[in-house]
Amino acid sequence: MSDPSAVIGLEELDPQEWLTHKGFSDVNPGYVVFVGTGSGEVMQLTLSAVKAIAEAQVAVLAPSVAPELLEEPEIDRHPDLLVVEAGASPPLDKIIALSRAGAHVVWLVPGDPLLDGDIGGICAGLIEAGVLFDVVPGLSEKSLAHTTAGIHAPRGAWIWSSATPVGERSLMVMTTTDKLDTFSEQLLKAGAESTTPVLVSVDHGTRAQTSVGTTVAKLAKATASLEPGLPAAVFAGKRSERDPRLNWFESKPLFGWRILVPHTKGRTGALERRLEHHGAIPVKVLTLSVEPPRNLQPLERAVQGLVDGRFQWIVFNSPNAVRAIAQRLGALGLDARAYSGLRIAAVGADTVAELQAGGITPELVPDGDQVSEALAEVFPMYDDLLDPIKRVLVPRAEVAVDSLVNGLGELGWEVEDVVAFRTVRAAPPPAEVRESIKTGRYDAAVFTSASTARNMVGIAGKPHADTIIAAIGPATVASCAEHGMRVDVTPEIPGAVELADALADFAVRRRQAMIAEGKPYKRPSQRRARRRRSTAKGS
């Protein structure tokens, strides 16, 4: 399998060498699929886009499309996918050579391929070379800007041209923040009244989006403090005075919150996706890597025993354990059908979700606190008349779960606990990230396990006191407290989605309390910045 993070420039690629190495022939000609990626976030891809990526052997990235998009957990990709970056004037002959030899090429472009991607010349070149191509539409920049700004855009009500004066119809122009002052002058010269309403949406379509409402005459002054060079959508005219009820995007509970997400390598992105759903900007920091056990033989013997019917129960207390057993079954050429006839117990919503993703529904999950002790309390006692097999398999991390093993033993079961995986502490994050953690530049930090909290503090330090801390369950809360962190948010039911939802509810209550007290709403990191400035002023 190729390195998923390896990306080369299209100019550097030798198509013939790659084709020879991969064994392609020209018996079945390939094709090129142009895929629109919207603003580049995986959740903006259509189902057709995801399917096209999964079927490709070559992925071409247009400028501004990040290679990290292909590493998102929602993306299935060919194990030997060749990823190349195309410059402003890509050598089309290389893509033609790949396609003619039978390679399926997906060409990822920002926005919509034909509205934003400027692929007309490339398509003409493919046609001349006799190469088949297809187009998967994407969210266009203009459409995305309109929708995320909360601006109603009925048919015929908007003009997309900077040379047309603002009259009965309203005007929309895509520009950059450093050109807003001259754009104001252009509007006035074109006949716009100085009091004409204007809405500027900066970094539109991202969770860093900022909207500024003003007039044509005051446009330059109102936007003078904006960072130059940022993309900006300008709406001018009567319809630019948006209905506050349509401001759905920027009013999300966690909109603009930069949230530290310490995570384990290889884990799914359910937590990050839910935070994004609430408007947050997750910033992942690797704290742990899940690795196979140093000695695989005990695990292999246990899995073989599972297949041979040596166990009546298998108990999973983490998603990693589920994945570890699935990998060993896969190595034997088996799948979830190997669990047939086996009784399955699980602890934790994420563990249950991981099982269900593989088509398995556990028959025993504790109520209330999702901890190993709770499972032991509801686990059935061994009965030699009703239970044909006495043994229970507990795949676990290197750290033993003595409370569970002892609890099952007291119920009369013979427990075989086997190391299925081990966790390895990651290297410290970059100095910039460590400084942001220390100085309160993150609005919140979310912890999904006790080990994640412990290792994050070990490699990066403790978050600032102003940073909101969210912990997934009792064991994680205890670990946070042990390392001097005040926990502000805990979901009623432990789980990644539930944790994100609980943090969103906290943010809503926090906003409402600030408004009720007559205070301007600020994110936690903004309040910290204000205190630093006031302290400096008084010193």
Protein backbone atom coordinates (compact mmCIF):
# COMPACT_ATOMS: atom_id res chain seq x y z
CA MET A 1 0.00 0.00 0.00
CA SER A 2 1.31 3.46 -0.84
CA ASP A 3 1.90 6.13 1.73
CA PRO A 4 -1.46 7.97 1.93
CA SER A 5 0.30 11.22 2.77
CA ALA A 6 2.69 11.06 -0.23
CA VAL A 7 1.94 13.70 -2.85
CA ILE A 8 4.08 14.60 -5.86
CA GLY A 9 3.91 17.39 -8.39
CA LEU A 10 2.40 16.51 -11.76
CA GLU A 11 5.50 17.94 -13.45
CA GLU A 12 7.66 15.41 -11.60
CA LEU A 13 5.57 12.39 -12.60
CA ASP A 14 6.87 9.92 -15.17
CA PRO A 15 3.60 8.35 -16.41
CA GLN A 16 5.25 5.48 -18.25
CA GLU A 17 7.34 4.44 -15.26
CA TRP A 18 4.30 4.47 -12.97
CA LEU A 19 2.12 2.61 -15.49
CA THR A 20 4.77 -0.07 -16.03
CA HIS A 21 5.21 -0.52 -12.29
CA LYS A 22 1.44 -0.91 -11.77
CA GLY A 23 0.97 -3.19 -14.76
CA PHE A 24 -1.52 -1.06 -16.72
CA SER A 25 -2.27 -1.77 -20.38
CA ASP A 26 -4.30 0.03 -23.02
CA VAL A 27 -6.83 -2.81 -23.37
CA ASN A 28 -9.44 -0.90 -21.38
CA PRO A 29 -8.98 2.87 -21.76
CA GLY A 30 -9.48 4.96 -18.65
CA TYR A 31 -11.17 8.31 -18.22
CA VAL A 32 -11.02 11.57 -16.27
CA VAL A 33 -13.70 12.69 -13.82
CA PHE A 34 -13.69 16.35 -12.75
CA VAL A 35 -15.08 16.62 -9.22
CA GLY A 36 -16.20 19.83 -7.54
CA THR A 37 -15.13 20.01 -3.89
CA GLY A 38 -16.95 23.15 -2.75
CA SER A 39 -14.80 24.94 -0.20
CA GLY A 40 -12.74 21.76 0.28
CA GLU A 41 -14.51 20.20 3.26
CA VAL A 42 -15.33 16.52 3.01
CA MET A 43 -18.96 16.96 4.09
CA GLN A 44 -19.54 19.22 1.06
CA LEU A 45 -18.78 16.38 -1.34
CA THR A 46 -21.70 14.74 -3.09
CA LEU A 47 -22.24 10.99 -3.06
CA SER A 48 -21.18 10.93 -6.71
CA ALA A 49 -17.93 12.70 -5.76
CA VAL A 50 -17.15 10.16 -3.04
CA LYS A 51 -17.88 7.30 -5.47
CA ALA A 52 -15.62 8.81 -8.14
CA ILE A 53 -12.74 9.14 -5.68
CA ALA A 54 -13.19 5.54 -4.50
CA GLU A 55 -12.96 4.24 -8.09
CA ALA A 56 -9.88 6.25 -9.09
CA GLN A 57 -6.30 5.05 -9.35
CA VAL A 58 -4.99 8.59 -9.82
CA ALA A 59 -6.10 11.76 -8.02
CA VAL A 60 -5.11 15.15 -9.46
CA LEU A 61 -5.40 18.08 -7.06
CA ALA A 62 -6.04 21.51 -8.53
CA PRO A 63 -4.41 24.46 -6.72
CA SER A 64 -6.11 25.19 -3.36
CA VAL A 65 -7.43 21.61 -2.97
CA ALA A 66 -5.64 20.18 0.08
CA PRO A 67 -4.36 16.59 -0.05
CA GLU A 68 -5.71 16.08 3.50
CA LEU A 69 -9.18 15.85 1.95
CA LEU A 70 -8.29 12.36 0.71
CA GLU A 71 -7.30 11.24 4.21
CA GLU A 72 -10.66 11.97 5.82
CA PRO A 73 -12.36 8.88 7.31
CA GLU A 74 -15.42 9.28 5.06
CA ILE A 75 -13.25 8.80 1.95
CA ASP A 76 -12.60 5.32 0.57
CA ARG A 77 -9.57 5.33 -1.71
CA HIS A 78 -7.63 2.85 -3.80
CA PRO A 79 -4.83 1.37 -1.62
CA ASP A 80 -2.25 2.43 -4.23
CA LEU A 81 -3.84 5.75 -5.15
CA LEU A 82 -1.38 8.06 -6.91
CA VAL A 83 -1.88 11.64 -5.70
CA VAL A 84 -0.43 14.45 -7.78
CA GLU A 85 -0.70 18.22 -7.45
CA ALA A 86 -1.39 20.19 -10.63
CA GLY A 87 -0.10 23.72 -11.03
CA ALA A 88 -1.82 26.59 -12.80
CA SER A 89 -0.77 25.20 -16.22
CA PRO A 90 -0.66 21.40 -15.77
CA PRO A 91 1.08 19.21 -18.41
CA LEU A 92 -2.02 17.62 -19.89
CA ASP A 93 -0.01 15.10 -21.92
CA LYS A 94 0.78 13.19 -18.73
CA ILE A 95 -2.89 12.85 -17.78
CA ILE A 96 -3.68 11.77 -21.34
CA ALA A 97 -0.98 9.08 -21.15
CA LEU A 98 -2.38 7.76 -17.86
CA SER A 99 -5.94 7.65 -19.17
CA ARG A 100 -5.06 6.03 -22.47
CA ALA A 101 -3.26 3.26 -20.57
CA GLY A 102 -6.40 2.46 -18.58
CA ALA A 103 -6.02 4.53 -15.40
CA HIS A 104 -9.13 6.09 -13.91
CA VAL A 105 -8.30 9.69 -13.00
CA VAL A 106 -10.26 11.93 -10.63
CA TRP A 107 -9.40 15.64 -10.94
CA LEU A 108 -10.45 17.56 -7.83
CA VAL A 109 -11.22 21.26 -8.32
CA PRO A 110 -12.52 23.90 -5.89
CA GLY A 111 -16.14 24.97 -6.04
CA ASP A 112 -17.95 23.68 -9.11
CA PRO A 113 -15.82 22.37 -12.02
CA LEU A 114 -17.35 24.57 -14.70
CA LEU A 115 -18.45 27.59 -12.66
CA ASP A 116 -15.27 27.94 -10.60
CA GLY A 117 -12.76 25.36 -11.80
CA ASP A 118 -11.82 26.90 -15.17
CA ILE A 119 -11.56 23.46 -16.78
CA GLY A 120 -12.81 24.44 -20.23
CA GLY A 121 -9.35 24.43 -21.82
CA ILE A 122 -8.43 21.14 -20.15
CA CYS A 123 -11.64 19.49 -21.38
CA ALA A 124 -10.94 20.72 -24.92
CA GLY A 125 -7.48 19.13 -24.75
CA LEU A 126 -8.94 15.82 -23.58
CA ILE A 127 -11.50 15.84 -26.36
CA GLU A 128 -8.81 16.43 -28.97
CA ALA A 129 -6.83 13.50 -27.53
CA GLY A 130 -9.89 11.24 -27.58
CA VAL A 131 -9.97 10.85 -23.76
CA LEU A 132 -13.36 10.36 -22.14
CA PHE A 133 -14.25 12.68 -19.28
CA ASP A 134 -17.12 13.23 -16.88
CA VAL A 135 -18.08 16.08 -14.53
CA VAL A 136 -19.41 15.79 -10.98
CA PRO A 137 -20.94 19.15 -9.99
CA GLY A 138 -19.98 20.75 -6.69
CA LEU A 139 -21.08 23.68 -4.55
CA SER A 140 -20.13 26.81 -6.48
CA GLU A 141 -18.41 29.63 -4.65
CA LYS A 142 -21.25 32.05 -5.37
CA SER A 143 -23.93 29.60 -4.25
CA LEU A 144 -22.00 28.78 -1.09
CA ALA A 145 -21.45 32.47 -0.29
CA HIS A 146 -25.15 33.30 -0.75
CA THR A 147 -26.32 30.40 1.39
CA THR A 148 -23.88 30.73 4.29
CA ALA A 149 -24.40 34.50 4.44
CA GLY A 150 -28.13 33.88 4.87
CA ILE A 151 -28.98 35.99 1.83
CA HIS A 152 -32.15 35.11 -0.07
CA ALA A 153 -31.39 34.87 -3.79
CA PRO A 154 -34.61 34.37 -5.79
CA ARG A 155 -34.31 33.97 -9.55
CA GLY A 156 -33.65 37.24 -11.37
CA ALA A 157 -33.13 39.27 -8.19
CA TRP A 158 -29.33 39.36 -8.29
CA ILE A 159 -26.69 40.59 -10.71
CA TRP A 160 -23.24 38.99 -10.66
CA SER A 161 -21.21 41.76 -12.26
CA SER A 162 -19.09 44.56 -10.78
CA ALA A 163 -19.70 46.77 -13.83
CA THR A 164 -23.47 47.02 -13.36
CA PRO A 165 -24.89 49.81 -11.18
CA VAL A 166 -27.08 48.86 -8.27
CA GLY A 167 -30.67 49.60 -9.20
CA GLU A 168 -33.86 47.64 -8.78
CA ARG A 169 -31.84 44.48 -8.63
CA SER A 170 -29.15 43.75 -6.04
CA LEU A 171 -25.52 43.07 -6.81
CA MET A 172 -23.15 40.30 -5.74
CA VAL A 173 -19.41 40.40 -6.41
CA MET A 174 -16.65 37.98 -5.44
CA THR A 175 -13.48 39.87 -4.52
CA THR A 176 -10.83 40.09 -1.77
CA THR A 177 -10.66 42.26 1.34
CA ASP A 178 -7.81 44.42 0.03
CA LYS A 179 -10.00 45.59 -2.87
CA LEU A 180 -13.04 46.68 -0.88
CA ASP A 181 -12.08 50.38 -0.71
CA THR A 182 -11.74 50.71 -4.48
CA PHE A 183 -14.90 48.64 -4.99
CA SER A 184 -16.84 51.21 -2.95
CA GLU A 185 -15.61 53.94 -5.28
CA GLN A 186 -16.62 51.88 -8.33
CA LEU A 187 -20.15 51.45 -7.00
CA LEU A 188 -20.56 55.18 -6.38
CA LYS A 189 -19.25 56.02 -9.88
CA ALA A 190 -21.63 53.42 -11.34
CA GLY A 191 -24.61 55.25 -9.86
CA ALA A 192 -25.18 53.54 -6.52
CA GLU A 193 -26.53 55.74 -3.73
CA SER A 194 -24.20 56.24 -0.75
CA THR A 195 -26.83 54.82 1.62
CA THR A 196 -27.25 51.61 -0.36
CA PRO A 197 -27.02 48.66 2.11
CA VAL A 198 -23.97 46.39 1.80
CA LEU A 199 -23.13 43.08 3.44
CA VAL A 200 -19.57 41.74 3.21
CA SER A 201 -19.02 38.04 3.96
CA VAL A 202 -15.33 37.28 4.53
CA ASP A 203 -13.94 33.72 4.38
CA HIS A 204 -17.42 32.72 3.21
CA GLY A 205 -18.41 29.09 3.52
CA THR A 206 -15.88 28.36 6.26
CA ARG A 207 -16.42 28.32 10.02
CA ALA A 208 -14.12 31.35 10.20
CA GLN A 209 -16.69 33.35 8.20
CA THR A 210 -17.25 36.95 9.32
CA SER A 211 -20.04 39.22 8.08
CA VAL A 212 -19.98 43.02 8.15
CA GLY A 213 -23.13 45.05 7.48
CA THR A 214 -22.63 48.63 6.29
CA THR A 215 -23.43 51.00 3.39
CA VAL A 216 -21.66 51.82 0.15
CA ALA A 217 -20.26 55.07 1.54
CA LYS A 218 -18.98 53.46 4.75
CA LEU A 219 -17.74 50.22 3.18
CA ALA A 220 -14.02 51.09 3.22
CA LYS A 221 -14.03 52.28 6.84
CA ALA A 222 -16.19 49.39 8.12
CA THR A 223 -13.83 46.80 6.62
CA ALA A 224 -10.49 48.56 7.19
CA SER A 225 -9.53 46.26 10.08
CA LEU A 226 -10.00 43.06 8.08
CA GLU A 227 -6.92 41.07 7.16
CA PRO A 228 -6.00 41.89 3.54
CA GLY A 229 -6.17 39.28 0.81
CA LEU A 230 -9.01 37.20 2.25
CA PRO A 231 -11.83 36.07 -0.06
CA ALA A 232 -14.89 38.29 0.29
CA ALA A 233 -18.42 38.12 -1.10
CA VAL A 234 -20.03 41.56 -1.36
CA PHE A 235 -23.81 41.92 -1.47
CA ALA A 236 -25.12 45.41 -2.33
CA GLY A 237 -28.72 46.52 -2.62
CA LYS A 238 -31.98 46.16 -0.78
CA ARG A 239 -31.72 42.38 -0.51
CA SER A 240 -28.36 42.59 1.27
CA GLU A 241 -30.21 43.54 4.46
CA ARG A 242 -30.66 39.92 5.48
CA ASP A 243 -33.42 38.68 7.71
CA PRO A 244 -31.73 37.76 11.05
CA ARG A 245 -33.77 34.58 11.05
CA LEU A 246 -31.91 33.45 7.93
CA ASN A 247 -28.51 33.87 9.56
CA TRP A 248 -28.41 30.13 10.14
CA PHE A 249 -24.69 29.59 9.58
CA GLU A 250 -23.04 32.11 11.87
CA SER A 251 -25.62 31.54 14.61
CA LYS A 252 -24.65 27.90 15.18
CA PRO A 253 -23.92 27.19 18.87
CA LEU A 254 -20.16 26.70 18.46
CA PHE A 255 -19.64 28.88 15.39
CA GLY A 256 -16.03 30.02 15.17
CA TRP A 257 -14.95 28.13 18.30
CA ARG A 258 -11.46 26.70 17.86
CA ILE A 259 -11.64 23.40 19.69
CA LEU A 260 -8.65 21.29 20.64
CA VAL A 261 -9.32 17.64 19.83
CA PRO A 262 -6.62 15.37 21.27
CA HIS A 263 -7.06 12.13 19.38
CA THR A 264 -5.72 8.67 18.70
CA LYS A 265 -4.28 7.86 15.29
CA GLY A 266 -6.68 5.80 13.23
CA ARG A 267 -9.85 6.81 15.09
CA THR A 268 -12.91 7.81 13.09
CA GLY A 269 -13.85 11.47 12.75
CA ALA A 270 -17.32 11.26 14.36
CA LEU A 271 -16.44 13.80 17.06
CA GLU A 272 -14.86 16.27 14.63
CA ARG A 273 -17.79 16.00 12.24
CA ARG A 274 -20.31 16.68 14.99
CA LEU A 275 -18.32 19.68 16.21
CA GLU A 276 -18.25 21.00 12.63
CA HIS A 277 -22.01 20.47 12.46
CA HIS A 278 -22.32 22.87 15.38
CA GLY A 279 -20.05 25.41 13.65
CA ALA A 280 -16.77 24.70 15.41
CA ILE A 281 -13.25 24.53 13.98
CA PRO A 282 -11.71 21.30 15.33
CA VAL A 283 -7.94 21.34 15.65
CA LYS A 284 -6.64 17.78 15.99
CA VAL A 285 -3.59 17.02 18.09
CA LEU A 286 -2.29 13.47 17.95
CA THR A 287 -1.67 12.13 21.46
CA LEU A 288 -1.77 8.37 20.97
CA SER A 289 -1.15 5.84 18.27
CA VAL A 290 -2.84 2.44 18.41
CA GLU A 291 -0.36 -0.32 17.56
CA PRO A 292 -0.56 -4.14 17.48
CA PRO A 293 0.65 -5.95 20.61
CA ARG A 294 4.38 -6.68 20.76
CA ASN A 295 3.60 -10.40 20.86
CA LEU A 296 0.78 -11.33 18.49
CA GLN A 297 0.64 -15.04 19.34
CA PRO A 298 -1.74 -14.84 22.34
CA LEU A 299 -4.16 -12.70 20.34
CA GLU A 300 -3.98 -15.02 17.33
CA ARG A 301 -4.65 -18.05 19.55
CA ALA A 302 -7.63 -16.27 21.13
CA VAL A 303 -9.11 -15.34 17.75
CA GLN A 304 -8.65 -18.89 16.52
CA GLY A 305 -10.43 -20.06 19.67
CA LEU A 306 -13.23 -17.63 18.90
CA VAL A 307 -13.58 -19.16 15.42
CA ASP A 308 -13.40 -22.71 16.82
CA GLY A 309 -16.23 -22.04 19.31
CA ARG A 310 -14.11 -22.06 22.46
CA PHE A 311 -15.89 -19.00 23.95
CA GLN A 312 -19.51 -18.30 24.80
CA TRP A 313 -19.03 -14.53 25.29
CA ILE A 314 -16.75 -11.84 23.95
CA VAL A 315 -16.65 -8.53 25.81
CA PHE A 316 -15.57 -5.32 24.08
CA ASN A 317 -14.79 -2.28 26.24
CA SER A 318 -13.39 0.03 23.53
CA PRO A 319 -13.68 0.66 19.77
CA ASN A 320 -9.98 -0.19 19.46
CA ALA A 321 -10.67 -3.69 20.75
CA VAL A 322 -13.42 -4.13 18.14
CA ARG A 323 -11.06 -3.02 15.37
CA ALA A 324 -8.22 -5.22 16.63
CA ILE A 325 -10.35 -8.40 16.54
CA ALA A 326 -11.79 -7.44 13.14
CA GLN A 327 -8.26 -7.04 11.75
CA ARG A 328 -7.19 -10.46 12.98
CA LEU A 329 -10.35 -12.05 11.57
CA GLY A 330 -9.63 -10.31 8.28
CA ALA A 331 -6.13 -11.76 8.27
CA LEU A 332 -7.77 -15.20 8.41
CA GLY A 333 -10.06 -14.30 5.51
CA LEU A 334 -13.08 -14.01 7.83
CA ASP A 335 -15.61 -11.28 8.57
CA ALA A 336 -18.40 -10.53 11.05
CA ARG A 337 -20.01 -13.91 10.33
CA ALA A 338 -17.31 -15.41 12.56
CA TYR A 339 -19.28 -14.04 15.53
CA SER A 340 -22.22 -16.31 14.69
CA GLY A 341 -23.31 -18.22 17.80
CA LEU A 342 -21.19 -16.01 20.06
CA ARG A 343 -22.77 -13.74 22.64
CA ILE A 344 -21.44 -10.18 22.57
CA ALA A 345 -21.29 -7.55 25.31
CA ALA A 346 -20.04 -3.99 24.95
CA VAL A 347 -19.23 -0.94 27.07
CA GLY A 348 -19.60 2.58 25.70
CA ALA A 349 -21.61 4.21 22.92
CA ASP A 350 -18.55 4.45 20.66
CA THR A 351 -17.86 0.74 21.12
CA VAL A 352 -21.45 -0.10 20.23
CA ALA A 353 -21.26 2.20 17.19
CA GLU A 354 -18.06 0.50 16.01
CA LEU A 355 -19.74 -2.92 16.28
CA GLN A 356 -22.85 -1.72 14.48
CA ALA A 357 -20.71 -0.27 11.68
CA GLY A 358 -19.59 -3.86 11.07
CA GLY A 359 -23.14 -5.18 11.10
CA ILE A 360 -23.03 -6.45 14.71
CA THR A 361 -25.49 -5.58 17.47
CA PRO A 362 -24.32 -6.45 20.99
CA GLU A 363 -26.91 -8.15 23.14
CA LEU A 364 -25.65 -6.78 26.46
CA VAL A 365 -24.80 -3.13 27.16
CA PRO A 366 -24.94 -1.66 30.68
CA ASP A 367 -27.38 1.09 31.54
CA GLY A 368 -26.18 4.36 33.03
CA ASP A 369 -22.43 4.83 33.42
CA GLN A 370 -20.61 3.16 30.54
CA VAL A 371 -17.76 1.68 32.56
CA SER A 372 -16.46 -1.86 32.93
CA GLU A 373 -17.75 -2.15 36.51
CA ALA A 374 -21.29 -1.40 35.28
CA LEU A 375 -21.09 -4.25 32.78
CA ALA A 376 -19.92 -6.67 35.45
CA GLU A 377 -22.96 -5.71 37.54
CA VAL A 378 -25.44 -6.70 34.78
CA PHE A 379 -23.51 -9.66 33.38
CA PRO A 380 -25.34 -12.99 33.88
CA MET A 381 -23.99 -15.52 36.36
CA TYR A 382 -22.58 -18.71 34.89
CA ASP A 383 -25.08 -21.58 34.99
CA ASP A 384 -23.69 -25.04 34.18
CA LEU A 385 -27.15 -26.19 33.06
CA LEU A 386 -27.89 -23.27 30.72
CA ASP A 387 -24.42 -22.26 29.56
CA PRO A 388 -22.73 -24.85 27.32
CA ILE A 389 -19.40 -23.01 27.38
CA LYS A 390 -17.82 -21.39 30.40
CA ARG A 391 -15.17 -19.18 28.81
CA VAL A 392 -15.32 -15.40 28.13
CA LEU A 393 -12.89 -13.53 25.86
CA VAL A 394 -11.94 -9.98 26.84
CA PRO A 395 -9.69 -8.31 24.23
CA ARG A 396 -8.04 -5.26 25.83
CA ALA A 397 -5.23 -2.75 25.80
CA GLU A 398 -1.93 -3.42 27.56
CA VAL A 399 -3.41 -1.88 30.70
CA ALA A 400 -5.47 -4.59 32.36
CA VAL A 401 -9.17 -4.13 33.20
CA ASP A 402 -8.97 -5.95 36.53
CA SER A 403 -12.38 -4.80 37.77
CA LEU A 404 -14.12 -6.39 34.78
CA VAL A 405 -12.07 -9.59 34.83
CA ASN A 406 -12.51 -10.00 38.58
CA GLY A 407 -16.21 -9.24 38.36
CA LEU A 408 -16.81 -11.86 35.69
CA GLY A 409 -14.70 -14.36 37.63
CA GLU A 410 -16.86 -13.85 40.71
CA LEU A 411 -19.87 -14.71 38.56
CA GLY A 412 -18.34 -18.12 37.82
CA TRP A 413 -16.90 -17.44 34.36
CA GLU A 414 -13.45 -18.41 33.16
CA VAL A 415 -12.06 -15.21 31.69
CA GLU A 416 -9.32 -15.06 29.09
CA ASP A 417 -8.16 -11.46 28.82
CA VAL A 418 -5.73 -10.96 25.97
CA VAL A 419 -3.79 -7.90 24.83
CA ALA A 420 -5.37 -6.90 21.51
CA PHE A 421 -3.64 -3.56 21.04
CA ARG A 422 -1.32 -1.13 22.75
CA THR A 423 -1.29 2.65 22.82
CA VAL A 424 1.91 4.60 22.21
CA ARG A 425 2.32 8.24 23.21
CA ALA A 426 2.78 10.57 20.24
CA ALA A 427 5.52 13.16 19.81
CA PRO A 428 4.80 16.70 21.10
CA PRO A 429 2.88 18.95 18.69
CA PRO A 430 4.55 22.01 17.10
CA ALA A 431 5.61 24.87 19.38
CA GLU A 432 2.84 27.07 17.98
CA VAL A 433 0.18 24.58 19.09
CA ARG A 434 1.72 24.20 22.55
CA GLU A 435 1.79 27.98 22.94
CA SER A 436 -1.86 28.23 21.88
CA ILE A 437 -2.82 25.62 24.47
CA LYS A 438 -0.91 27.40 27.20
CA THR A 439 -2.19 30.92 26.45
CA GLY A 440 -5.88 30.12 25.98
CA ARG A 441 -6.18 30.58 22.22
CA TYR A 442 -8.43 27.55 22.02
CA ASP A 443 -12.02 28.05 23.10
CA ALA A 444 -12.45 24.47 24.31
CA ALA A 445 -10.72 21.11 24.57
CA VAL A 446 -12.57 17.79 24.34
CA PHE A 447 -11.28 14.56 25.85
CA THR A 448 -12.65 11.17 24.85
CA SER A 449 -10.67 8.97 27.25
CA ALA A 450 -8.63 9.13 30.43
CA SER A 451 -5.46 8.19 28.52
CA THR A 452 -6.05 10.94 25.95
CA ALA A 453 -6.26 13.55 28.72
CA ARG A 454 -3.18 12.17 30.47
CA ASN A 455 -1.09 12.00 27.32
CA MET A 456 -2.17 15.41 26.02
CA VAL A 457 -0.94 17.05 29.21
CA GLY A 458 2.24 14.99 28.98
CA ILE A 459 3.17 16.08 25.46
CA ALA A 460 1.65 19.57 25.23
CA GLY A 461 0.85 20.86 28.70
CA LYS A 462 -2.39 21.73 30.48
CA PRO A 463 -4.95 23.97 28.73
CA HIS A 464 -5.36 27.52 30.05
CA ALA A 465 -7.90 28.04 32.84
CA ASP A 466 -10.20 29.99 30.46
CA THR A 467 -10.42 27.05 28.05
CA ILE A 468 -13.69 25.11 28.37
CA ILE A 469 -12.99 21.46 29.16
CA ALA A 470 -15.36 18.71 28.00
CA ALA A 471 -14.87 15.09 29.10
CA ILE A 472 -16.70 12.05 27.77
CA GLY A 473 -17.34 10.14 31.01
CA PRO A 474 -16.47 9.53 34.70
CA ALA A 475 -13.03 7.99 34.11
CA THR A 476 -12.04 10.86 31.81
CA VAL A 477 -13.36 13.43 34.30
CA ALA A 478 -11.23 11.82 37.01
CA SER A 479 -8.15 11.91 34.76
CA CYS A 480 -8.74 15.59 33.99
CA ALA A 481 -9.09 16.40 37.68
CA GLU A 482 -5.93 14.44 38.45
CA HIS A 483 -4.05 16.70 36.03
CA GLY A 484 -5.50 19.93 37.39
CA MET A 485 -8.17 20.55 34.75
CA ARG A 486 -11.64 21.84 35.70
CA VAL A 487 -14.28 19.93 33.70
CA ASP A 488 -17.15 22.12 32.49
CA VAL A 489 -19.06 19.70 30.27
CA THR A 490 -19.93 16.01 30.54
CA PRO A 491 -22.66 14.30 28.46
CA GLU A 492 -25.35 12.29 30.20
CA ILE A 493 -24.53 9.33 27.96
CA PRO A 494 -20.84 8.83 27.10
CA GLY A 495 -20.20 9.03 23.36
CA ALA A 496 -18.43 11.19 20.79
CA VAL A 497 -21.59 12.67 19.30
CA GLU A 498 -23.11 13.14 22.74
CA LEU A 499 -19.96 14.94 23.90
CA ALA A 500 -20.12 17.42 21.01
CA ASP A 501 -23.85 17.98 21.58
CA ALA A 502 -23.28 18.61 25.29
CA LEU A 503 -20.61 21.20 24.49
CA ALA A 504 -23.00 22.89 22.02
CA ASP A 505 -25.71 23.04 24.72
CA PHE A 506 -23.19 24.54 27.13
CA ALA A 507 -22.28 27.21 24.55
CA VAL A 508 -25.96 28.12 24.06
CA ARG A 509 -26.52 28.52 27.81
CA ARG A 510 -23.30 30.53 28.12
CA ARG A 511 -24.38 32.89 25.33
CA GLN A 512 -27.83 33.35 26.84
CA ALA A 513 -26.35 34.10 30.27
CA MET A 514 -23.99 36.74 28.86
CA ILE A 515 -26.80 38.43 26.95
CA ALA A 516 -29.06 38.35 30.02
CA GLU A 517 -26.31 40.10 32.00
CA GLY A 518 -26.01 42.77 29.33
CA LYS A 519 -22.54 41.65 28.28
CA PRO A 520 -21.39 41.43 24.66
CA TYR A 521 -21.06 37.85 23.54
CA LYS A 522 -17.47 36.68 23.18
CA ARG A 523 -15.96 33.26 22.77
CA PRO A 524 -13.74 32.04 25.64
CA SER A 525 -10.56 32.79 23.69
CA GLN A 526 -11.79 36.32 22.89
CA ARG A 527 -12.41 37.06 26.54
CA ARG A 528 -8.90 35.94 27.31
CA ALA A 529 -7.52 38.26 24.60
CA ARG A 530 -9.50 41.19 26.04
CA ARG A 531 -8.07 40.63 29.53
CA ARG A 532 -4.53 40.48 28.21
CA ARG A 533 -4.97 43.83 26.46
CA SER A 534 -6.54 45.51 29.49
CA THR A 535 -3.74 44.25 31.74
CA ALA A 536 -1.11 45.55 29.35
CA LYS A 537 -2.82 48.93 29.18
CA GLY A 538 -2.86 49.35 32.92
CA SER A 539 0.74 48.31 33.46
